[in-house]
Amino acid sequence: MMNTCPSCGGAFTESWAFCPTCGSSIQSQASVPPYGSIQGKMTAAKGFGQMFGLDPRIAFLTFVVDAMLFGENVVTLGATLPLSIAAAVVLGVITFRAQLHWYGDSRQSAQTKALILGLLTAIPTPLPAILYVPAGVIGLTHLVRRK
């Protein structure tokens, strides 16, 4: 069975006493997952792309949902605002789960991004696209550089 080194993220088997990548002692830490890992995948604790980026698929989904909701609110003169709020809550939940599993954010970071995105989607204007479209571009460059 392969484990991950808490110092560098390198792979090792349970029987090894030292990490083959960085040389740190791992025997007592073999069963402890490293800080910042999600399902065995290391995440960057800091960095511009990780901090401000959105998964590009989520940014595109938000753009489409926001465009549909804004058009609907304009036509109905705001009568469908409760529907926009419900859609924003659903989009927030989708964003939270996607940021955790696809983008590799920590739980707190994913919650913050989901709440911000849900709030921006509930606002009946196309103005929030100024924020989440660049966040999607940042996320795309972050994902490309990470691979």
N, C-alpha and C. Protein backbone atom coordinates (compact mmCIF):
# COMPACT_ATOMS: atom_id res chain seq x y z
N MET A 1 0.84 -1.19 0.00
CA MET A 1 0.00 0.00 0.00
C MET A 1 0.88 1.24 0.00
N MET A 2 0.54 2.20 -0.86
CA MET A 2 1.33 3.43 -0.96
C MET A 2 0.75 4.50 -0.05
N ASN A 3 1.63 5.25 0.59
CA ASN A 3 1.27 6.39 1.42
C ASN A 3 1.93 7.64 0.87
N THR A 4 1.59 8.78 1.46
CA THR A 4 2.14 10.06 1.02
C THR A 4 2.96 10.68 2.14
N CYS A 5 4.14 11.18 1.82
CA CYS A 5 5.01 11.82 2.79
C CYS A 5 4.39 13.13 3.26
N PRO A 6 4.32 13.37 4.59
CA PRO A 6 3.74 14.62 5.08
C PRO A 6 4.62 15.84 4.80
N SER A 7 5.88 15.63 4.50
CA SER A 7 6.78 16.75 4.25
C SER A 7 6.74 17.22 2.80
N CYS A 8 6.83 16.28 1.86
CA CYS A 8 6.95 16.67 0.45
C CYS A 8 5.85 16.13 -0.44
N GLY A 9 5.05 15.18 0.05
CA GLY A 9 3.99 14.61 -0.77
C GLY A 9 4.44 13.43 -1.62
N GLY A 10 5.69 13.00 -1.47
CA GLY A 10 6.20 11.86 -2.24
C GLY A 10 5.57 10.56 -1.80
N ALA A 11 5.49 9.61 -2.72
CA ALA A 11 4.87 8.32 -2.42
C ALA A 11 5.89 7.36 -1.81
N PHE A 12 5.43 6.53 -0.86
CA PHE A 12 6.28 5.52 -0.25
C PHE A 12 5.41 4.37 0.23
N THR A 13 6.02 3.22 0.49
CA THR A 13 5.27 2.09 1.03
C THR A 13 5.35 2.13 2.54
N GLU A 14 4.45 1.40 3.20
CA GLU A 14 4.37 1.42 4.66
C GLU A 14 5.65 0.92 5.33
N SER A 15 6.39 0.06 4.68
CA SER A 15 7.56 -0.54 5.32
C SER A 15 8.78 0.38 5.34
N TRP A 16 8.74 1.50 4.64
CA TRP A 16 9.90 2.38 4.57
C TRP A 16 9.97 3.27 5.80
N ALA A 17 11.20 3.55 6.23
CA ALA A 17 11.40 4.41 7.40
C ALA A 17 11.64 5.87 7.00
N PHE A 18 12.14 6.08 5.77
CA PHE A 18 12.43 7.43 5.32
C PHE A 18 11.82 7.65 3.93
N CYS A 19 11.42 8.89 3.67
CA CYS A 19 10.85 9.23 2.38
C CYS A 19 11.93 9.15 1.31
N PRO A 20 11.68 8.47 0.19
CA PRO A 20 12.68 8.36 -0.86
C PRO A 20 12.90 9.69 -1.61
N THR A 21 11.96 10.63 -1.48
CA THR A 21 12.08 11.90 -2.18
C THR A 21 12.85 12.95 -1.38
N CYS A 22 12.43 13.15 -0.11
CA CYS A 22 13.05 14.22 0.68
C CYS A 22 13.93 13.70 1.83
N GLY A 23 13.80 12.42 2.19
CA GLY A 23 14.64 11.84 3.22
C GLY A 23 14.12 12.02 4.63
N SER A 24 12.95 12.62 4.84
CA SER A 24 12.45 12.81 6.20
C SER A 24 11.94 11.49 6.77
N SER A 25 11.96 11.40 8.10
CA SER A 25 11.50 10.20 8.79
C SER A 25 9.99 10.10 8.65
N ILE A 26 9.51 8.92 8.24
CA ILE A 26 8.08 8.75 8.00
C ILE A 26 7.48 7.57 8.73
N GLN A 27 8.27 6.82 9.44
CA GLN A 27 7.78 5.59 10.05
C GLN A 27 6.66 5.86 11.05
N SER A 28 6.78 6.87 11.88
CA SER A 28 5.74 7.13 12.88
C SER A 28 4.57 7.90 12.29
N GLN A 29 4.72 8.44 11.08
CA GLN A 29 3.67 9.27 10.49
C GLN A 29 2.98 8.56 9.33
N ALA A 30 3.17 7.27 9.15
CA ALA A 30 2.66 6.57 7.98
C ALA A 30 1.15 6.58 7.90
N SER A 31 0.44 6.57 9.03
CA SER A 31 -1.01 6.51 8.98
C SER A 31 -1.67 7.89 9.06
N VAL A 32 -0.90 8.94 9.25
CA VAL A 32 -1.45 10.28 9.37
C VAL A 32 -1.44 10.95 8.01
N PRO A 33 -2.62 11.39 7.50
CA PRO A 33 -2.62 12.06 6.20
C PRO A 33 -1.97 13.44 6.32
N PRO A 34 -1.26 13.90 5.31
CA PRO A 34 -0.59 15.19 5.38
C PRO A 34 -1.58 16.34 5.41
N TYR A 35 -1.16 17.43 6.04
CA TYR A 35 -1.98 18.63 6.12
C TYR A 35 -2.25 19.15 4.71
N GLY A 36 -3.50 19.49 4.43
CA GLY A 36 -3.84 20.04 3.13
C GLY A 36 -4.13 18.99 2.08
N SER A 37 -4.18 17.71 2.47
CA SER A 37 -4.44 16.69 1.45
C SER A 37 -5.93 16.39 1.39
N ILE A 38 -6.40 16.11 0.21
CA ILE A 38 -7.77 15.70 -0.01
C ILE A 38 -7.71 14.41 -0.80
N GLN A 39 -8.17 13.34 -0.18
CA GLN A 39 -8.16 12.02 -0.79
C GLN A 39 -6.79 11.67 -1.35
N GLY A 40 -5.73 11.96 -0.57
CA GLY A 40 -4.38 11.59 -0.96
C GLY A 40 -3.73 12.54 -1.94
N LYS A 41 -4.41 13.61 -2.34
CA LYS A 41 -3.85 14.56 -3.31
C LYS A 41 -3.42 15.81 -2.55
N MET A 42 -2.16 16.18 -2.68
CA MET A 42 -1.65 17.36 -1.98
C MET A 42 -2.21 18.62 -2.60
N THR A 43 -2.56 19.58 -1.75
CA THR A 43 -3.02 20.87 -2.22
C THR A 43 -2.06 21.94 -1.74
N ALA A 44 -1.92 22.99 -2.52
CA ALA A 44 -1.06 24.09 -2.13
C ALA A 44 -1.73 24.86 -1.00
N ALA A 45 -0.98 25.11 0.07
CA ALA A 45 -1.53 25.85 1.20
C ALA A 45 -1.73 27.31 0.84
N LYS A 46 -0.90 27.84 -0.03
CA LYS A 46 -0.98 29.24 -0.41
C LYS A 46 -0.73 29.35 -1.90
N GLY A 47 -0.84 30.53 -2.39
CA GLY A 47 -0.60 30.79 -3.79
C GLY A 47 -1.77 31.53 -4.40
N PHE A 48 -1.47 32.41 -5.32
CA PHE A 48 -2.49 33.25 -5.94
C PHE A 48 -3.55 32.41 -6.64
N GLY A 49 -3.12 31.42 -7.43
CA GLY A 49 -4.06 30.60 -8.18
C GLY A 49 -4.97 29.80 -7.28
N GLN A 50 -4.44 29.23 -6.22
CA GLN A 50 -5.26 28.43 -5.30
C GLN A 50 -6.18 29.33 -4.49
N MET A 51 -5.70 30.51 -4.14
CA MET A 51 -6.48 31.38 -3.29
C MET A 51 -7.65 32.04 -4.03
N PHE A 52 -7.41 32.50 -5.26
CA PHE A 52 -8.42 33.27 -5.97
C PHE A 52 -9.05 32.52 -7.14
N GLY A 53 -8.59 31.33 -7.44
CA GLY A 53 -9.07 30.61 -8.61
C GLY A 53 -10.34 29.83 -8.36
N LEU A 54 -11.11 29.69 -9.42
CA LEU A 54 -12.28 28.81 -9.44
C LEU A 54 -12.02 27.74 -10.49
N ASP A 55 -12.58 26.58 -10.27
CA ASP A 55 -12.50 25.56 -11.30
C ASP A 55 -13.17 26.15 -12.55
N PRO A 56 -12.53 26.07 -13.72
CA PRO A 56 -13.10 26.69 -14.92
C PRO A 56 -14.50 26.18 -15.27
N ARG A 57 -14.79 24.92 -14.97
CA ARG A 57 -16.12 24.39 -15.24
C ARG A 57 -17.17 25.08 -14.39
N ILE A 58 -16.81 25.40 -13.15
CA ILE A 58 -17.73 26.10 -12.25
C ILE A 58 -17.92 27.54 -12.70
N ALA A 59 -16.84 28.19 -13.14
CA ALA A 59 -16.96 29.56 -13.63
C ALA A 59 -17.88 29.62 -14.85
N PHE A 60 -17.75 28.65 -15.76
CA PHE A 60 -18.61 28.62 -16.94
C PHE A 60 -20.07 28.34 -16.54
N LEU A 61 -20.29 27.39 -15.65
CA LEU A 61 -21.64 27.09 -15.18
C LEU A 61 -22.26 28.32 -14.53
N THR A 62 -21.50 29.02 -13.72
CA THR A 62 -22.01 30.22 -13.06
C THR A 62 -22.36 31.30 -14.08
N PHE A 63 -21.53 31.45 -15.11
CA PHE A 63 -21.81 32.42 -16.16
C PHE A 63 -23.14 32.12 -16.85
N VAL A 64 -23.36 30.86 -17.18
CA VAL A 64 -24.59 30.46 -17.86
C VAL A 64 -25.81 30.65 -16.95
N VAL A 65 -25.71 30.18 -15.70
CA VAL A 65 -26.83 30.30 -14.77
C VAL A 65 -27.14 31.77 -14.49
N ASP A 66 -26.12 32.57 -14.28
CA ASP A 66 -26.32 33.99 -14.00
C ASP A 66 -26.95 34.70 -15.19
N ALA A 67 -26.52 34.37 -16.40
CA ALA A 67 -27.11 34.98 -17.59
C ALA A 67 -28.59 34.62 -17.72
N MET A 68 -28.92 33.36 -17.45
CA MET A 68 -30.32 32.96 -17.52
C MET A 68 -31.16 33.65 -16.45
N LEU A 69 -30.64 33.71 -15.23
CA LEU A 69 -31.39 34.33 -14.15
C LEU A 69 -31.55 35.83 -14.35
N PHE A 70 -30.51 36.50 -14.86
CA PHE A 70 -30.61 37.94 -15.10
C PHE A 70 -31.66 38.23 -16.16
N GLY A 71 -31.65 37.47 -17.25
CA GLY A 71 -32.66 37.67 -18.29
C GLY A 71 -34.06 37.44 -17.77
N GLU A 72 -34.22 36.44 -16.94
CA GLU A 72 -35.52 36.13 -16.36
C GLU A 72 -35.98 37.26 -15.44
N ASN A 73 -35.08 37.79 -14.63
CA ASN A 73 -35.45 38.87 -13.72
C ASN A 73 -35.81 40.15 -14.46
N VAL A 74 -35.15 40.40 -15.58
CA VAL A 74 -35.46 41.59 -16.37
C VAL A 74 -36.86 41.47 -16.97
N VAL A 75 -37.16 40.31 -17.55
CA VAL A 75 -38.46 40.10 -18.20
C VAL A 75 -39.61 40.15 -17.19
N THR A 76 -39.43 39.56 -16.01
CA THR A 76 -40.50 39.49 -15.02
C THR A 76 -40.47 40.65 -14.03
N LEU A 77 -39.57 41.61 -14.24
CA LEU A 77 -39.41 42.78 -13.36
C LEU A 77 -39.15 42.37 -11.91
N GLY A 78 -38.36 41.34 -11.72
CA GLY A 78 -37.95 40.91 -10.39
C GLY A 78 -38.90 39.97 -9.68
N ALA A 79 -39.97 39.56 -10.32
CA ALA A 79 -40.94 38.67 -9.68
C ALA A 79 -40.36 37.28 -9.42
N THR A 80 -39.33 36.91 -10.15
CA THR A 80 -38.74 35.57 -9.99
C THR A 80 -37.49 35.59 -9.11
N LEU A 81 -37.35 36.62 -8.30
CA LEU A 81 -36.19 36.70 -7.41
C LEU A 81 -36.08 35.50 -6.47
N PRO A 82 -37.18 34.98 -5.90
CA PRO A 82 -37.04 33.76 -5.07
C PRO A 82 -36.45 32.58 -5.84
N LEU A 83 -36.76 32.46 -7.12
CA LEU A 83 -36.17 31.41 -7.94
C LEU A 83 -34.67 31.64 -8.11
N SER A 84 -34.28 32.88 -8.25
CA SER A 84 -32.85 33.22 -8.37
C SER A 84 -32.10 32.87 -7.09
N ILE A 85 -32.73 33.13 -5.97
CA ILE A 85 -32.08 32.82 -4.68
C ILE A 85 -31.94 31.30 -4.52
N ALA A 86 -32.98 30.56 -4.89
CA ALA A 86 -32.91 29.09 -4.81
C ALA A 86 -31.82 28.55 -5.74
N ALA A 87 -31.74 29.09 -6.95
CA ALA A 87 -30.70 28.66 -7.89
C ALA A 87 -29.32 29.00 -7.36
N ALA A 88 -29.19 30.15 -6.69
CA ALA A 88 -27.90 30.54 -6.12
C ALA A 88 -27.47 29.58 -5.01
N VAL A 89 -28.41 29.11 -4.21
CA VAL A 89 -28.10 28.15 -3.14
C VAL A 89 -27.61 26.83 -3.76
N VAL A 90 -28.32 26.35 -4.78
CA VAL A 90 -27.92 25.10 -5.44
C VAL A 90 -26.54 25.27 -6.08
N LEU A 91 -26.32 26.40 -6.75
CA LEU A 91 -25.01 26.65 -7.36
C LEU A 91 -23.91 26.73 -6.30
N GLY A 92 -24.22 27.28 -5.12
CA GLY A 92 -23.24 27.33 -4.04
C GLY A 92 -22.84 25.94 -3.57
N VAL A 93 -23.83 25.05 -3.46
CA VAL A 93 -23.53 23.66 -3.03
C VAL A 93 -22.68 22.96 -4.09
N ILE A 94 -23.04 23.14 -5.36
CA ILE A 94 -22.27 22.53 -6.45
C ILE A 94 -20.84 23.07 -6.44
N THR A 95 -20.70 24.37 -6.24
CA THR A 95 -19.38 25.01 -6.21
C THR A 95 -18.55 24.45 -5.06
N PHE A 96 -19.15 24.32 -3.89
CA PHE A 96 -18.43 23.80 -2.72
C PHE A 96 -17.87 22.41 -3.00
N ARG A 97 -18.71 21.53 -3.51
CA ARG A 97 -18.26 20.16 -3.77
C ARG A 97 -17.22 20.10 -4.88
N ALA A 98 -17.41 20.90 -5.92
CA ALA A 98 -16.46 20.89 -7.04
C ALA A 98 -15.12 21.48 -6.63
N GLN A 99 -15.12 22.53 -5.84
CA GLN A 99 -13.86 23.13 -5.41
C GLN A 99 -13.09 22.16 -4.52
N LEU A 100 -13.81 21.38 -3.72
CA LEU A 100 -13.15 20.37 -2.89
C LEU A 100 -12.53 19.26 -3.73
N HIS A 101 -13.31 18.69 -4.62
CA HIS A 101 -12.88 17.48 -5.32
C HIS A 101 -12.15 17.74 -6.63
N TRP A 102 -12.55 18.75 -7.39
CA TRP A 102 -11.91 19.01 -8.68
C TRP A 102 -10.72 19.94 -8.56
N TYR A 103 -10.87 20.98 -7.73
CA TYR A 103 -9.84 22.02 -7.66
C TYR A 103 -8.86 21.78 -6.53
N GLY A 104 -9.26 21.00 -5.52
CA GLY A 104 -8.35 20.67 -4.43
C GLY A 104 -8.29 21.71 -3.33
N ASP A 105 -9.32 22.54 -3.20
CA ASP A 105 -9.35 23.54 -2.13
C ASP A 105 -9.55 22.87 -0.78
N SER A 106 -9.14 23.56 0.28
CA SER A 106 -9.46 23.10 1.63
C SER A 106 -10.95 23.33 1.86
N ARG A 107 -11.48 22.73 2.89
CA ARG A 107 -12.91 22.85 3.18
C ARG A 107 -13.31 24.30 3.41
N GLN A 108 -12.52 25.02 4.18
CA GLN A 108 -12.83 26.42 4.49
C GLN A 108 -12.76 27.30 3.23
N SER A 109 -11.77 27.09 2.41
CA SER A 109 -11.64 27.86 1.18
C SER A 109 -12.79 27.56 0.22
N ALA A 110 -13.17 26.30 0.11
CA ALA A 110 -14.28 25.92 -0.76
C ALA A 110 -15.59 26.52 -0.26
N GLN A 111 -15.79 26.55 1.07
CA GLN A 111 -16.99 27.15 1.63
C GLN A 111 -17.04 28.65 1.34
N THR A 112 -15.92 29.32 1.50
CA THR A 112 -15.87 30.75 1.24
C THR A 112 -16.18 31.06 -0.21
N LYS A 113 -15.55 30.34 -1.12
CA LYS A 113 -15.79 30.57 -2.55
C LYS A 113 -17.23 30.25 -2.92
N ALA A 114 -17.81 29.19 -2.34
CA ALA A 114 -19.19 28.82 -2.63
C ALA A 114 -20.16 29.89 -2.14
N LEU A 115 -19.92 30.41 -0.94
CA LEU A 115 -20.80 31.46 -0.41
C LEU A 115 -20.72 32.74 -1.25
N ILE A 116 -19.51 33.12 -1.64
CA ILE A 116 -19.35 34.31 -2.46
C ILE A 116 -20.03 34.12 -3.81
N LEU A 117 -19.82 32.98 -4.43
CA LEU A 117 -20.41 32.72 -5.74
C LEU A 117 -21.94 32.65 -5.66
N GLY A 118 -22.46 32.03 -4.61
CA GLY A 118 -23.91 31.99 -4.42
C GLY A 118 -24.50 33.38 -4.24
N LEU A 119 -23.84 34.20 -3.44
CA LEU A 119 -24.30 35.57 -3.22
C LEU A 119 -24.26 36.38 -4.52
N LEU A 120 -23.17 36.26 -5.26
CA LEU A 120 -23.05 36.99 -6.52
C LEU A 120 -24.10 36.55 -7.54
N THR A 121 -24.45 35.27 -7.52
CA THR A 121 -25.45 34.76 -8.45
C THR A 121 -26.85 35.24 -8.06
N ALA A 122 -27.11 35.38 -6.77
CA ALA A 122 -28.43 35.82 -6.31
C ALA A 122 -28.68 37.30 -6.62
N ILE A 123 -27.63 38.07 -6.82
CA ILE A 123 -27.80 39.49 -7.16
C ILE A 123 -28.29 39.57 -8.60
N PRO A 124 -29.43 40.19 -8.83
CA PRO A 124 -30.01 40.18 -10.19
C PRO A 124 -29.37 41.20 -11.14
N THR A 125 -28.08 41.09 -11.35
CA THR A 125 -27.37 41.93 -12.33
C THR A 125 -26.32 41.07 -13.01
N PRO A 126 -25.88 41.45 -14.21
CA PRO A 126 -24.79 40.71 -14.85
C PRO A 126 -23.42 41.15 -14.34
N LEU A 127 -23.37 42.11 -13.44
CA LEU A 127 -22.12 42.66 -12.93
C LEU A 127 -21.20 41.64 -12.27
N PRO A 128 -21.71 40.64 -11.51
CA PRO A 128 -20.81 39.68 -10.87
C PRO A 128 -19.91 38.91 -11.83
N ALA A 129 -20.25 38.87 -13.10
CA ALA A 129 -19.39 38.17 -14.07
C ALA A 129 -18.00 38.79 -14.11
N ILE A 130 -17.89 40.05 -13.74
CA ILE A 130 -16.59 40.72 -13.68
C ILE A 130 -15.68 40.03 -12.66
N LEU A 131 -16.27 39.38 -11.66
CA LEU A 131 -15.48 38.70 -10.63
C LEU A 131 -15.24 37.22 -10.93
N TYR A 132 -16.27 36.48 -11.32
CA TYR A 132 -16.07 35.04 -11.44
C TYR A 132 -15.49 34.60 -12.78
N VAL A 133 -15.61 35.38 -13.81
CA VAL A 133 -14.96 35.01 -15.08
C VAL A 133 -13.43 35.09 -14.94
N PRO A 134 -12.87 36.20 -14.39
CA PRO A 134 -11.41 36.21 -14.17
C PRO A 134 -10.96 35.13 -13.18
N ALA A 135 -11.80 34.81 -12.17
CA ALA A 135 -11.45 33.74 -11.23
C ALA A 135 -11.37 32.40 -11.95
N GLY A 136 -12.24 32.19 -12.95
CA GLY A 136 -12.17 30.97 -13.74
C GLY A 136 -10.92 30.91 -14.60
N VAL A 137 -10.50 32.06 -15.15
CA VAL A 137 -9.27 32.11 -15.94
C VAL A 137 -8.07 31.83 -15.04
N ILE A 138 -8.06 32.43 -13.85
CA ILE A 138 -6.98 32.17 -12.89
C ILE A 138 -6.96 30.68 -12.54
N GLY A 139 -8.15 30.10 -12.31
CA GLY A 139 -8.23 28.67 -12.00
C GLY A 139 -7.73 27.80 -13.12
N LEU A 140 -8.05 28.18 -14.36
CA LEU A 140 -7.58 27.40 -15.51
C LEU A 140 -6.06 27.43 -15.59
N THR A 141 -5.46 28.60 -15.44
CA THR A 141 -3.99 28.68 -15.49
C THR A 141 -3.37 27.93 -14.31
N HIS A 142 -4.03 27.97 -13.16
CA HIS A 142 -3.52 27.24 -11.99
C HIS A 142 -3.55 25.73 -12.25
N LEU A 143 -4.64 25.25 -12.82
CA LEU A 143 -4.74 23.82 -13.10
C LEU A 143 -3.75 23.38 -14.16
N VAL A 144 -3.54 24.21 -15.18
CA VAL A 144 -2.58 23.87 -16.23
C VAL A 144 -1.16 23.84 -15.68
N ARG A 145 -0.82 24.80 -14.83
CA ARG A 145 0.55 24.86 -14.26
C ARG A 145 0.78 23.74 -13.27
N ARG A 146 -0.29 23.26 -12.59
CA ARG A 146 -0.16 22.21 -11.60
C ARG A 146 0.11 20.86 -12.24
N LYS A 147 -0.29 20.66 -13.48
CA LYS A 147 -0.11 19.36 -14.13
C LYS A 147 1.20 19.23 -14.79
